Amino acid sequence: MRIHHFTAGQAVAQTREVEPEVRLGDLLVLDEDEKVFVVDEETELDVTVPVEALLAGRQGHLATSACRQIAVTVGYAGADKVIKVHPAIRLRQVRRRAIAAFGISQADAADLVLRLPGETEDLDLNAPVTTIVPRRTCSTTVDLVHTVRPQG
């Protein structure tokens, strides 16, 4: 069984093959206050249960975080909006919620991407939000930017 583990502040998941009968708590090194979630799900996993029982019928994409909620400050066109999300949701959901919060039409949102402030590289929308949150914090900031710039 393959596990992809996303942690706070780490852009790349740690991937490993594990035996199905191994307990999740024996695989992951967690800080005292960290919880484990399946990506896209908000229910905390019991780390004393074997991996196979926990992930029956689900992908092995796990996210760990000490936070129950992440406050994402989204900057767009000189304005900021705070969107509160669960740490295991994917960045594509943050993008959708930001577009809705700013009241951007679907046509105008077609080329919008998320980036860390001051960066030029797009964030991976498939990654959980916990990957862009610094450890020991429950907030982060991103910019919602157009990838296509009008020339003129």
Protein backbone atom coordinates (compact mmCIF):
# COMPACT_ATOMS: atom_id res chain seq x y z
CA MET A 1 0.00 0.00 0.00
CA ARG A 2 1.33 3.44 -0.90
CA ILE A 3 1.05 6.43 1.44
CA HIS A 4 1.61 10.06 0.41
CA HIS A 5 2.11 12.19 3.52
CA PHE A 6 1.75 15.99 3.33
CA THR A 7 3.03 18.02 6.29
CA ALA A 8 2.86 21.66 7.31
CA GLY A 9 5.23 23.86 5.34
CA GLN A 10 6.49 21.07 3.05
CA ALA A 11 5.55 21.45 -0.63
CA VAL A 12 6.40 17.85 -1.52
CA ALA A 13 4.73 14.79 -0.04
CA GLN A 14 6.76 12.01 1.51
CA THR A 15 5.81 8.82 -0.32
CA ARG A 16 6.41 5.33 0.98
CA GLU A 17 5.22 1.79 0.56
CA VAL A 18 3.76 0.34 3.76
CA GLU A 19 2.38 -2.95 4.91
CA PRO A 20 -1.43 -2.81 5.31
CA GLU A 21 -1.39 -4.16 8.88
CA VAL A 22 0.97 -1.45 10.20
CA ARG A 23 -0.63 1.11 12.49
CA LEU A 24 -0.64 4.67 11.22
CA GLY A 25 0.97 5.89 14.44
CA ASP A 26 3.96 3.61 13.81
CA LEU A 27 4.52 5.18 10.37
CA LEU A 28 4.25 8.88 11.05
CA VAL A 29 6.29 11.00 13.39
CA LEU A 30 3.78 13.47 14.82
CA ASP A 31 4.18 16.38 17.17
CA GLU A 32 2.08 16.10 20.31
CA ASP A 33 -0.71 18.31 18.98
CA GLU A 34 -0.72 17.13 15.34
CA LYS A 35 -3.67 15.29 13.83
CA VAL A 36 -3.86 13.16 10.69
CA PHE A 37 -6.52 13.54 8.01
CA VAL A 38 -7.21 12.02 4.60
CA VAL A 39 -6.79 14.77 2.00
CA ASP A 40 -10.21 16.27 1.13
CA GLU A 41 -11.77 14.90 4.32
CA GLU A 42 -12.17 16.66 7.66
CA THR A 43 -12.45 13.63 9.93
CA GLU A 44 -9.41 12.98 12.13
CA LEU A 45 -7.89 9.52 11.73
CA ASP A 46 -7.22 7.23 14.70
CA VAL A 47 -3.47 6.55 14.52
CA THR A 48 -3.84 3.32 16.57
CA VAL A 49 -5.73 1.60 13.74
CA PRO A 50 -3.98 -0.33 10.93
CA VAL A 51 -3.53 1.56 7.67
CA GLU A 52 -5.65 -0.86 5.66
CA ALA A 53 -8.65 -0.40 7.96
CA LEU A 54 -8.30 3.39 7.94
CA LEU A 55 -7.96 3.75 4.20
CA ALA A 56 -10.30 1.03 2.97
CA GLY A 57 -11.54 2.26 -0.39
CA ARG A 58 -9.74 5.62 -0.11
CA GLN A 59 -6.53 6.98 -1.54
CA GLY A 60 -3.51 7.04 0.73
CA HIS A 61 -3.09 10.82 0.61
CA LEU A 62 -2.67 12.02 4.20
CA ALA A 63 -2.25 15.51 5.64
CA THR A 64 -1.02 16.35 9.12
CA SER A 65 -1.60 19.58 10.95
CA ALA A 66 -1.88 20.92 14.48
CA CYS A 67 -4.65 23.24 13.25
CA ARG A 68 -8.35 22.54 12.99
CA GLN A 69 -8.79 25.53 10.71
CA ILE A 70 -6.46 27.58 8.52
CA ALA A 71 -7.00 31.31 7.93
CA VAL A 72 -5.86 32.00 4.37
CA THR A 73 -5.49 35.68 3.53
CA VAL A 74 -5.99 35.98 -0.22
CA GLY A 75 -4.77 39.09 -2.00
CA TYR A 76 -6.37 40.11 -5.30
CA ALA A 77 -6.23 43.45 -7.15
CA GLY A 78 -5.10 45.36 -4.06
CA ALA A 79 -7.74 43.88 -1.72
CA ASP A 80 -7.53 41.09 0.85
CA LYS A 81 -10.11 38.52 1.95
CA VAL A 82 -9.67 35.92 4.68
CA ILE A 83 -10.94 32.45 3.87
CA LYS A 84 -11.10 29.87 6.65
CA VAL A 85 -10.57 26.28 5.55
CA HIS A 86 -9.74 22.86 6.95
CA PRO A 87 -6.00 22.00 6.64
CA ALA A 88 -6.70 18.86 4.57
CA ILE A 89 -8.60 20.52 1.73
CA ARG A 90 -6.80 21.03 -1.54
CA LEU A 91 -5.64 24.42 -2.76
CA ARG A 92 -8.08 24.18 -5.68
CA GLN A 93 -10.88 24.64 -3.09
CA VAL A 94 -9.09 27.70 -1.69
CA ARG A 95 -8.95 29.09 -5.23
CA ARG A 96 -12.69 28.43 -5.78
CA ARG A 97 -13.62 30.04 -2.47
CA ALA A 98 -11.40 33.05 -3.17
CA ILE A 99 -13.00 33.57 -6.58
CA ALA A 100 -16.44 33.46 -4.93
CA ALA A 101 -15.37 35.77 -2.08
CA PHE A 102 -14.16 38.41 -4.53
CA GLY A 103 -17.23 37.97 -6.76
CA ILE A 104 -15.16 37.20 -9.84
CA SER A 105 -17.10 35.82 -12.83
CA GLN A 106 -16.17 32.42 -14.19
CA ALA A 107 -15.03 34.01 -17.46
CA ASP A 108 -12.70 36.41 -15.62
CA ALA A 109 -11.48 33.63 -13.32
CA ALA A 110 -10.41 31.27 -16.10
CA ASP A 111 -6.71 32.14 -15.85
CA LEU A 112 -6.47 32.81 -12.10
CA VAL A 113 -3.83 30.93 -10.12
CA LEU A 114 -2.60 30.97 -6.54
CA ARG A 115 0.94 32.04 -5.71
CA LEU A 116 2.83 32.78 -2.56
CA PRO A 117 3.38 36.54 -2.18
CA GLY A 118 6.29 37.78 -4.26
CA GLU A 119 6.68 34.44 -6.08
CA THR A 120 6.27 33.72 -9.78
CA GLU A 121 5.59 29.99 -9.52
CA ASP A 122 1.99 28.76 -9.38
CA LEU A 123 0.99 26.68 -6.38
CA ASP A 124 0.00 23.07 -7.02
CA LEU A 125 -3.78 23.12 -6.71
CA ASN A 126 -3.81 19.39 -5.92
CA ALA A 127 -1.77 19.89 -2.73
CA PRO A 128 -3.56 20.31 0.59
CA VAL A 129 -3.50 23.78 2.13
CA THR A 130 -1.36 22.56 5.05
CA THR A 131 1.64 22.40 2.69
CA ILE A 132 1.81 26.20 2.47
CA VAL A 133 1.24 26.88 6.16
CA PRO A 134 4.40 27.39 8.23
CA ARG A 135 4.75 24.90 11.08
CA ARG A 136 3.33 26.04 14.41
CA THR A 137 0.97 28.53 12.74
CA CYS A 138 -2.61 28.32 11.53
CA SER A 139 -2.54 31.04 8.90
CA THR A 140 -0.95 31.84 5.58
CA THR A 141 -1.14 34.37 2.76
CA VAL A 142 -1.50 33.78 -0.97
CA ASP A 143 -2.05 35.95 -4.02
CA LEU A 144 -4.75 35.27 -6.59
CA VAL A 145 -3.22 36.40 -9.89
CA HIS A 146 -3.99 36.25 -13.59
CA THR A 147 -1.50 34.22 -15.60
CA VAL A 148 -2.37 36.04 -18.81
CA ARG A 149 -1.50 39.72 -18.67
CA PRO A 150 -3.01 42.06 -21.25
CA GLN A 151 -0.38 43.84 -23.31
CA GLY A 152 -0.90 47.42 -24.23
